[in-house]
N, C-alpha and C. Protein backbone atom coordinates (compact mmCIF):
# COMPACT_ATOMS: atom_id res chain seq x y z
N CYS A 1 141.06 179.43 337.55
CA CYS A 1 142.50 180.26 337.17
C CYS A 1 143.50 179.59 337.12
N LEU A 2 143.93 179.48 335.94
CA LEU A 2 145.69 179.07 336.72
C LEU A 2 146.52 179.63 336.08
N SER A 3 147.12 179.52 337.09
CA SER A 3 148.66 180.74 336.92
C SER A 3 149.30 179.75 335.67
N VAL A 4 150.11 180.66 335.05
CA VAL A 4 150.85 180.59 334.11
C VAL A 4 152.40 180.54 334.08
N SER A 5 153.37 179.68 334.01
CA SER A 5 155.13 179.73 334.60
C SER A 5 155.20 180.83 333.80
N ARG A 6 156.65 181.28 334.45
CA ARG A 6 157.23 182.36 334.50
C ARG A 6 157.55 182.56 332.49
N CYS A 7 158.12 180.96 332.02
CA CYS A 7 158.71 180.48 331.04
C CYS A 7 157.36 181.35 330.26
N CYS A 8 156.62 180.13 330.01
CA CYS A 8 154.99 180.56 328.95
C CYS A 8 154.85 182.25 329.22
N GLN A 9 154.83 182.67 330.43
CA GLN A 9 154.10 184.41 330.55
C GLN A 9 155.29 184.95 329.87
N HIS A 10 156.58 184.55 329.51
CA HIS A 10 157.78 185.30 328.96
C HIS A 10 157.22 185.38 327.71
N ALA A 11 157.03 183.97 327.30
CA ALA A 11 157.03 183.53 325.22
C ALA A 11 155.80 184.26 325.10
N MET A 12 154.43 184.07 326.04
CA MET A 12 153.25 184.79 325.31
C MET A 12 153.45 186.58 325.31
N MET A 13 154.10 186.97 326.76
CA MET A 13 153.97 188.57 326.12
C MET A 13 155.23 188.83 325.57
N ARG A 14 156.38 187.78 324.94
CA ARG A 14 157.18 188.01 324.10
C ARG A 14 156.29 188.20 322.53
N ALA A 15 155.32 187.23 322.64
CA ALA A 15 154.60 187.14 321.41
C ALA A 15 154.31 188.41 321.06
N TYR A 16 153.42 189.30 321.98
CA TYR A 16 152.50 190.02 322.07
C TYR A 16 152.95 191.65 322.18
N SER A 17 154.80 191.54 322.22
CA SER A 17 155.10 192.63 322.46
C SER A 17 155.34 193.31 321.27
N THR A 18 155.26 195.06 321.66
CA THR A 18 155.69 195.97 320.63
C THR A 18 157.30 196.97 320.53
N THR A 19 157.20 197.35 319.77
CA THR A 19 158.48 198.11 319.84
C THR A 19 157.85 199.64 320.82
N PRO A 20 158.41 200.11 321.90
CA PRO A 20 158.06 201.46 322.18
C PRO A 20 157.60 202.40 321.29
N ALA A 21 156.06 202.79 321.97
CA ALA A 21 155.41 203.82 320.77
C ALA A 21 155.80 204.92 320.43
N LEU A 22 157.01 205.65 321.14
CA LEU A 22 157.86 207.04 321.06
C LEU A 22 158.61 206.38 319.95
N ALA A 23 159.38 205.35 319.66
CA ALA A 23 160.36 204.88 318.55
C ALA A 23 159.40 204.71 317.51
N GLN A 24 158.55 204.58 317.80
CA GLN A 24 157.54 204.59 316.39
C GLN A 24 156.60 205.97 316.03
N GLY A 25 157.39 206.81 316.57
CA GLY A 25 156.93 207.96 316.82
C GLY A 25 154.80 208.65 317.07
N VAL A 26 154.74 207.68 317.56
CA VAL A 26 153.67 207.82 318.20
C VAL A 26 153.40 208.16 319.45
N PRO A 27 153.01 209.11 320.61
CA PRO A 27 153.13 209.83 321.49
C PRO A 27 152.91 208.35 322.66
N GLY A 28 153.23 208.45 323.15
CA GLY A 28 152.91 207.46 324.36
C GLY A 28 152.12 207.53 324.90
N SER A 29 151.30 206.34 325.66
CA SER A 29 150.10 205.84 325.96
C SER A 29 150.12 206.39 327.75
N VAL A 30 149.57 206.51 327.89
CA VAL A 30 149.00 207.85 329.77
C VAL A 30 148.88 205.60 330.05
N TRP A 31 148.82 204.84 329.92
CA TRP A 31 148.61 203.62 331.04
C TRP A 31 149.45 202.50 329.85
N LYS A 32 150.11 201.47 330.44
CA LYS A 32 150.75 200.07 330.23
C LYS A 32 150.39 198.81 330.38
N LEU A 33 150.27 198.25 329.44
CA LEU A 33 150.05 196.53 329.34
C LEU A 33 151.07 195.86 330.35
N GLY A 34 150.45 195.19 331.42
CA GLY A 34 151.49 194.17 332.11
C GLY A 34 151.34 193.33 331.78
N ARG A 35 151.59 191.91 332.86
CA ARG A 35 152.06 190.74 332.11
C ARG A 35 150.80 190.20 332.56
N LEU A 36 150.85 188.66 332.01
CA LEU A 36 149.53 188.26 331.33
C LEU A 36 149.28 187.31 333.11
N ASN A 37 148.32 187.81 333.57
CA ASN A 37 147.64 187.11 334.73
C ASN A 37 146.98 185.76 334.88
N HIS A 38 146.16 185.66 334.41
CA HIS A 38 145.94 184.62 333.94
C HIS A 38 145.31 183.84 333.06
N ILE A 39 144.75 182.32 332.28
CA ILE A 39 144.23 181.84 331.48
C ILE A 39 143.36 181.57 331.55
N ALA A 40 142.36 181.56 331.88
CA ALA A 40 140.55 181.05 332.07
C ALA A 40 140.07 180.27 331.63
N ILE A 41 140.00 179.11 331.69
CA ILE A 41 139.31 177.93 330.94
C ILE A 41 138.38 177.18 331.77
N ALA A 42 137.26 177.12 330.53
CA ALA A 42 135.72 177.22 330.84
C ALA A 42 136.03 175.53 331.07
N VAL A 43 135.15 174.98 332.36
CA VAL A 43 134.90 173.62 332.74
C VAL A 43 133.67 172.45 332.58
N PRO A 44 133.21 171.80 332.16
CA PRO A 44 132.21 171.09 332.59
C PRO A 44 132.55 170.44 333.61
N ASP A 45 133.18 170.16 334.40
CA ASP A 45 133.17 169.48 335.68
C ASP A 45 134.83 169.81 336.65
N MET A 46 134.16 170.83 337.12
CA MET A 46 135.50 170.99 338.09
C MET A 46 136.42 170.26 338.90
N GLU A 47 135.71 169.08 339.43
CA GLU A 47 136.73 168.33 339.95
C GLU A 47 137.44 167.86 339.10
N LYS A 48 137.08 166.94 338.14
CA LYS A 48 137.75 166.56 337.26
C LYS A 48 139.00 167.32 335.94
N ALA A 49 138.71 168.57 335.93
CA ALA A 49 139.59 169.66 335.38
C ALA A 49 141.03 169.97 336.38
N THR A 50 139.79 170.38 337.57
CA THR A 50 141.29 170.67 339.06
C THR A 50 142.25 169.49 338.83
N SER A 51 141.70 168.21 339.16
CA SER A 51 142.71 167.16 338.97
C SER A 51 143.54 167.19 337.82
N LEU A 52 143.50 167.57 336.80
CA LEU A 52 143.71 167.42 335.87
C LEU A 52 145.10 168.66 335.70
N TYR A 53 144.68 169.54 335.65
CA TYR A 53 145.16 170.84 335.79
C TYR A 53 146.54 170.91 337.29
N ARG A 54 146.16 170.20 338.44
CA ARG A 54 146.79 170.53 339.59
C ARG A 54 147.31 169.32 339.49
N ASP A 55 146.80 167.68 339.60
CA ASP A 55 147.32 166.92 339.72
C ASP A 55 148.53 166.40 338.78
N ILE A 56 147.81 166.13 337.91
CA ILE A 56 148.77 165.76 336.26
C ILE A 56 149.64 166.79 335.62
N LEU A 57 149.10 168.20 335.75
CA LEU A 57 149.98 169.19 335.01
C LEU A 57 150.78 169.98 335.69
N GLY A 58 150.83 169.74 337.81
CA GLY A 58 151.36 170.97 338.14
C GLY A 58 150.96 172.26 338.19
N ALA A 59 150.32 172.48 337.49
CA ALA A 59 149.79 174.38 337.54
C ALA A 59 149.08 174.23 338.80
N THR A 60 149.50 175.68 339.07
CA THR A 60 148.83 176.31 340.48
C THR A 60 147.13 176.71 339.96
N VAL A 61 146.25 175.76 340.34
CA VAL A 61 144.88 176.07 340.49
C VAL A 61 143.94 177.10 341.17
N SER A 62 143.26 178.29 341.02
CA SER A 62 142.61 178.77 341.99
C SER A 62 141.77 178.16 342.85
N ASP A 63 141.47 178.60 343.97
CA ASP A 63 140.39 177.57 344.67
C ASP A 63 139.11 178.27 344.15
N LYS A 64 138.13 177.11 343.96
CA LYS A 64 136.43 177.50 343.42
C LYS A 64 135.75 178.64 344.28
N VAL A 65 135.69 179.54 343.79
CA VAL A 65 135.04 180.47 344.24
C VAL A 65 133.43 181.15 343.30
N PRO A 66 132.46 181.19 344.19
CA PRO A 66 131.45 181.57 343.56
C PRO A 66 131.58 183.58 343.41
N LEU A 67 131.33 183.99 341.75
CA LEU A 67 131.13 185.09 341.91
C LEU A 67 130.45 185.50 341.09
N PRO A 68 128.95 185.42 342.42
CA PRO A 68 127.73 185.85 341.31
C PRO A 68 127.45 186.79 340.35
N GLU A 69 128.24 188.12 340.39
CA GLU A 69 128.12 189.42 339.80
C GLU A 69 128.49 188.93 338.29
N HIS A 70 129.35 187.71 337.94
CA HIS A 70 130.17 187.55 336.71
C HIS A 70 128.87 185.70 336.37
N GLY A 71 128.39 185.71 337.24
CA GLY A 71 127.88 184.29 336.70
C GLY A 71 128.54 183.21 336.97
N VAL A 72 129.88 182.74 337.28
CA VAL A 72 130.82 182.25 337.64
C VAL A 72 131.07 181.58 338.55
N TYR A 73 131.49 179.91 339.23
CA TYR A 73 132.68 180.05 339.79
C TYR A 73 133.98 180.01 339.40
N THR A 74 135.16 180.15 339.79
CA THR A 74 136.98 179.75 339.84
C THR A 74 136.94 179.32 338.85
N LEU A 75 137.50 179.00 337.91
CA LEU A 75 138.10 177.86 336.99
C LEU A 75 136.85 177.84 335.94
N LEU A 76 136.48 178.61 335.88
CA LEU A 76 135.17 178.89 335.07
C LEU A 76 134.34 177.88 334.61
N HIS A 77 133.24 177.62 335.75
CA HIS A 77 132.34 176.92 336.02
C HIS A 77 131.08 177.46 336.14
N PRO A 78 129.82 177.18 335.28
CA PRO A 78 128.96 177.99 335.49
C PRO A 78 128.23 178.06 336.36
N LEU A 79 127.81 179.10 337.03
CA LEU A 79 127.01 179.69 338.26
C LEU A 79 125.48 179.88 338.19
N GLY A 80 124.58 178.91 337.66
CA GLY A 80 123.05 179.37 337.75
C GLY A 80 123.10 179.66 336.08
N GLN A 81 121.52 179.59 335.89
CA GLN A 81 121.67 179.32 334.03
C GLN A 81 121.38 180.28 333.22
N LYS A 82 122.11 181.75 333.94
CA LYS A 82 122.46 182.77 332.83
C LYS A 82 123.33 183.07 332.91
N SER A 83 124.55 182.41 333.67
CA SER A 83 126.15 182.19 333.36
C SER A 83 126.43 182.35 331.60
N PRO A 84 127.10 183.15 331.32
CA PRO A 84 127.71 183.57 329.88
C PRO A 84 128.64 182.29 330.04
N ILE A 85 128.63 181.10 330.80
CA ILE A 85 129.70 180.07 330.93
C ILE A 85 128.93 179.03 330.38
N ALA A 86 127.93 178.91 331.03
CA ALA A 86 126.52 178.08 330.44
C ALA A 86 126.69 178.47 328.79
N GLY A 87 126.48 179.36 328.36
CA GLY A 87 126.36 179.63 326.82
C GLY A 87 127.68 179.09 326.04
N PHE A 88 128.75 179.03 326.67
CA PHE A 88 130.15 178.80 326.07
C PHE A 88 129.78 177.22 326.35
N LEU A 89 129.39 176.33 327.16
CA LEU A 89 129.84 175.16 327.43
C LEU A 89 128.58 174.42 326.69
N GLN A 90 127.58 175.20 326.23
CA GLN A 90 126.75 174.56 325.46
C GLN A 90 127.43 174.50 323.73
N LYS A 91 127.94 175.50 323.59
CA LYS A 91 129.06 175.05 321.78
C LYS A 91 130.23 174.43 322.66
N ASN A 92 130.35 174.28 323.48
CA ASN A 92 132.12 173.74 323.38
C ASN A 92 131.27 172.56 324.59
N LYS A 93 131.21 171.44 324.35
CA LYS A 93 130.61 170.40 325.28
C LYS A 93 131.90 170.26 326.43
N ALA A 94 133.14 169.84 325.92
CA ALA A 94 134.33 169.62 326.59
C ALA A 94 135.34 170.60 327.43
N GLY A 95 134.41 171.62 327.17
CA GLY A 95 135.18 173.05 327.81
C GLY A 95 136.04 173.82 326.77
N GLY A 96 137.15 174.74 327.44
CA GLY A 96 138.16 174.70 326.64
C GLY A 96 138.44 176.35 326.88
N MET A 97 139.60 177.24 326.21
CA MET A 97 139.91 178.12 326.91
C MET A 97 138.91 179.26 326.53
N HIS A 98 138.93 180.02 327.35
CA HIS A 98 137.94 181.16 327.45
C HIS A 98 138.18 182.64 327.24
N HIS A 99 138.90 182.87 327.69
CA HIS A 99 139.68 184.04 327.77
C HIS A 99 140.89 184.25 328.58
N ILE A 100 141.87 185.23 328.02
CA ILE A 100 143.20 185.65 328.74
C ILE A 100 142.61 186.63 329.77
N CYS A 101 143.72 186.58 330.73
CA CYS A 101 143.45 188.11 331.39
C CYS A 101 145.04 189.36 331.55
N ILE A 102 144.75 190.25 331.41
CA ILE A 102 146.60 190.61 331.24
C ILE A 102 146.18 191.90 331.99
N GLU A 103 147.24 192.67 333.00
CA GLU A 103 147.14 193.21 333.63
C GLU A 103 147.53 194.17 332.73
N VAL A 104 146.69 195.99 333.51
CA VAL A 104 146.89 197.39 332.77
C VAL A 104 147.47 197.77 334.40
N ASP A 105 148.22 198.93 334.16
CA ASP A 105 148.71 199.87 335.03
C ASP A 105 147.49 200.95 336.02
N ASN A 106 146.72 201.29 334.89
CA ASN A 106 145.65 202.34 335.40
C ASN A 106 144.37 201.91 334.22
N ILE A 107 143.31 200.90 334.73
CA ILE A 107 142.20 200.28 333.86
C ILE A 107 141.38 201.47 333.82
N ASN A 108 140.98 202.63 333.97
CA ASN A 108 140.13 203.72 333.76
C ASN A 108 141.04 204.24 332.21
N ALA A 109 142.11 204.40 332.45
CA ALA A 109 142.49 204.95 331.02
C ALA A 109 143.12 204.27 329.98
N ALA A 110 143.42 203.14 330.40
CA ALA A 110 142.97 201.81 329.37
C ALA A 110 141.64 201.91 328.62
N ILE A 111 141.15 201.67 329.52
CA ILE A 111 139.61 202.11 329.01
C ILE A 111 139.16 202.74 327.70
N ALA A 112 139.22 204.41 327.92
CA ALA A 112 139.09 205.61 327.89
C ALA A 112 139.81 205.20 325.48
N ASP A 113 141.17 204.91 326.15
CA ASP A 113 142.22 204.97 324.86
C ASP A 113 141.77 203.68 324.72
N LEU A 114 141.48 202.60 324.84
CA LEU A 114 140.68 201.68 323.79
C LEU A 114 139.51 201.93 323.13
N LYS A 115 138.49 202.68 323.64
CA LYS A 115 137.12 202.57 323.01
C LYS A 115 137.70 203.80 321.88
N ALA A 116 138.63 204.72 322.52
CA ALA A 116 138.89 206.00 321.28
C ALA A 116 139.31 205.05 320.09
N LYS A 117 139.69 204.24 320.13
CA LYS A 117 140.42 203.29 319.19
C LYS A 117 139.60 202.29 318.27
N ASN A 118 138.28 202.28 318.39
CA ASN A 118 137.12 201.81 318.70
C ASN A 118 137.13 200.14 318.23
N ILE A 119 138.03 200.21 319.78
CA ILE A 119 137.70 198.33 320.55
C ILE A 119 136.81 198.29 321.03
N ARG A 120 135.98 197.45 321.83
CA ARG A 120 134.41 197.78 322.11
C ARG A 120 134.71 196.77 323.47
N THR A 121 133.88 197.02 324.61
CA THR A 121 134.28 196.62 325.55
C THR A 121 132.70 195.58 325.98
N LEU A 122 132.89 194.98 327.41
CA LEU A 122 131.85 193.98 327.07
C LEU A 122 130.55 194.79 327.95
N SER A 123 131.27 195.64 329.05
CA SER A 123 130.15 196.16 330.01
C SER A 123 130.63 197.89 329.71
N ALA A 124 129.63 199.06 330.12
CA ALA A 124 129.68 200.13 330.04
C ALA A 124 130.61 201.00 331.19
N GLU A 125 131.03 199.73 332.26
CA GLU A 125 132.01 199.80 333.07
C GLU A 125 132.70 198.69 333.89
N PRO A 126 134.06 199.30 334.14
CA PRO A 126 134.79 197.72 334.84
C PRO A 126 133.91 197.45 336.02
N ARG A 127 134.31 196.06 336.52
CA ARG A 127 133.71 195.52 337.49
C ARG A 127 134.62 195.19 338.59
N ILE A 128 134.26 194.38 339.47
CA ILE A 128 135.27 194.06 340.12
C ILE A 128 135.68 192.61 340.00
N GLY A 129 137.08 192.27 339.51
CA GLY A 129 136.88 190.47 339.31
C GLY A 129 137.29 189.58 340.52
N ALA A 130 137.78 188.36 339.98
CA ALA A 130 137.99 187.44 340.95
C ALA A 130 138.89 187.37 342.41
N HIS A 131 140.12 188.16 341.88
CA HIS A 131 140.76 188.67 342.44
C HIS A 131 140.51 190.27 343.44
N GLY A 132 139.48 190.88 343.15
CA GLY A 132 139.22 192.02 344.24
C GLY A 132 139.90 193.38 343.12
N LYS A 133 140.02 192.96 342.06
CA LYS A 133 140.61 194.48 341.73
C LYS A 133 139.80 194.58 340.54
N PRO A 134 139.70 196.12 339.70
CA PRO A 134 138.56 196.27 338.69
C PRO A 134 139.22 195.45 337.39
N VAL A 135 138.12 195.08 336.93
CA VAL A 135 138.41 194.23 335.49
C VAL A 135 137.21 194.60 334.32
N MET A 136 137.89 194.40 332.69
CA MET A 136 136.89 194.82 331.81
C MET A 136 137.13 194.07 330.58
N PHE A 137 136.56 193.21 330.24
CA PHE A 137 136.58 192.52 328.91
C PHE A 137 136.27 193.16 327.81
N LEU A 138 136.87 193.33 326.94
CA LEU A 138 137.53 193.44 325.18
C LEU A 138 136.47 192.84 324.61
N HIS A 139 135.24 193.24 323.30
CA HIS A 139 135.03 192.48 322.65
C HIS A 139 135.90 191.19 321.37
N PRO A 140 135.76 190.52 321.56
CA PRO A 140 136.64 189.25 320.98
C PRO A 140 136.75 189.74 319.41
N LYS A 141 135.76 190.43 318.78
CA LYS A 141 135.81 190.62 317.43
C LYS A 141 136.50 191.92 317.61
N ASP A 142 137.14 192.12 318.25
CA ASP A 142 137.93 193.44 318.00
C ASP A 142 139.42 192.89 318.59
N CYS A 143 139.52 191.85 318.87
CA CYS A 143 140.87 190.97 319.43
C CYS A 143 141.42 189.64 318.79
N ASP A 144 141.12 190.11 317.44
CA ASP A 144 141.51 188.59 316.64
C ASP A 144 140.98 187.35 316.80
N GLY A 145 139.61 187.02 317.67
CA GLY A 145 139.20 186.25 318.24
C GLY A 145 139.19 185.91 319.37
N VAL A 146 139.54 186.72 319.97
CA VAL A 146 140.43 186.40 321.18
C VAL A 146 139.62 187.34 322.62
N LEU A 147 138.76 186.86 323.73
CA LEU A 147 137.96 187.38 324.70
C LEU A 147 139.39 187.71 325.72
N VAL A 148 139.22 189.34 325.45
CA VAL A 148 140.68 189.44 326.50
C VAL A 148 139.73 190.27 327.92
N GLU A 149 140.55 189.81 329.21
CA GLU A 149 140.36 190.60 330.33
C GLU A 149 141.39 191.54 330.45
N LEU A 150 140.90 192.93 331.28
CA LEU A 150 141.88 193.52 331.59
C LEU A 150 142.11 193.86 333.28
N GLU A 151 142.71 193.59 333.85
CA GLU A 151 142.74 193.47 335.43
C GLU A 151 143.79 195.05 335.80
N GLU A 152 143.38 195.95 336.75
CA GLU A 152 143.92 196.61 336.96
C GLU A 152 145.22 196.09 338.28
N ALA A 153 146.34 196.04 337.96
CA ALA A 153 147.49 195.97 338.57
C ALA A 153 147.37 196.51 340.22
């Protein structure tokens, strides 16, 4: 995973920010969207990608950590043949942005609310993610083609 500079985080979150729900006459939510946590990039070559992002671009790159329950290593490299990242890399040989992760203050409330609004999730229940916190992926077809991961802050 790559950490995003405060400037980039602010610009990205500003692009997705909205007027508070109460100001629009809509009841307030029982959960809140937080900051951009990370951008996950699928890569065919871990060492090459780490060198590019860390050494050339100056980004903070997470350690290579196996996540068997998700079938990946962090900085998204396949862990086994059944890895969802293996399929992604078959379609995108050079790799590419896989998903964005945004923090929420209450993942269970967020999931319930989003399901009520017909946003599909990719699993029935949250799983523990790379940072040791509950995560849930939202279906990209319901999120303008973007795979969105929610992580409890």
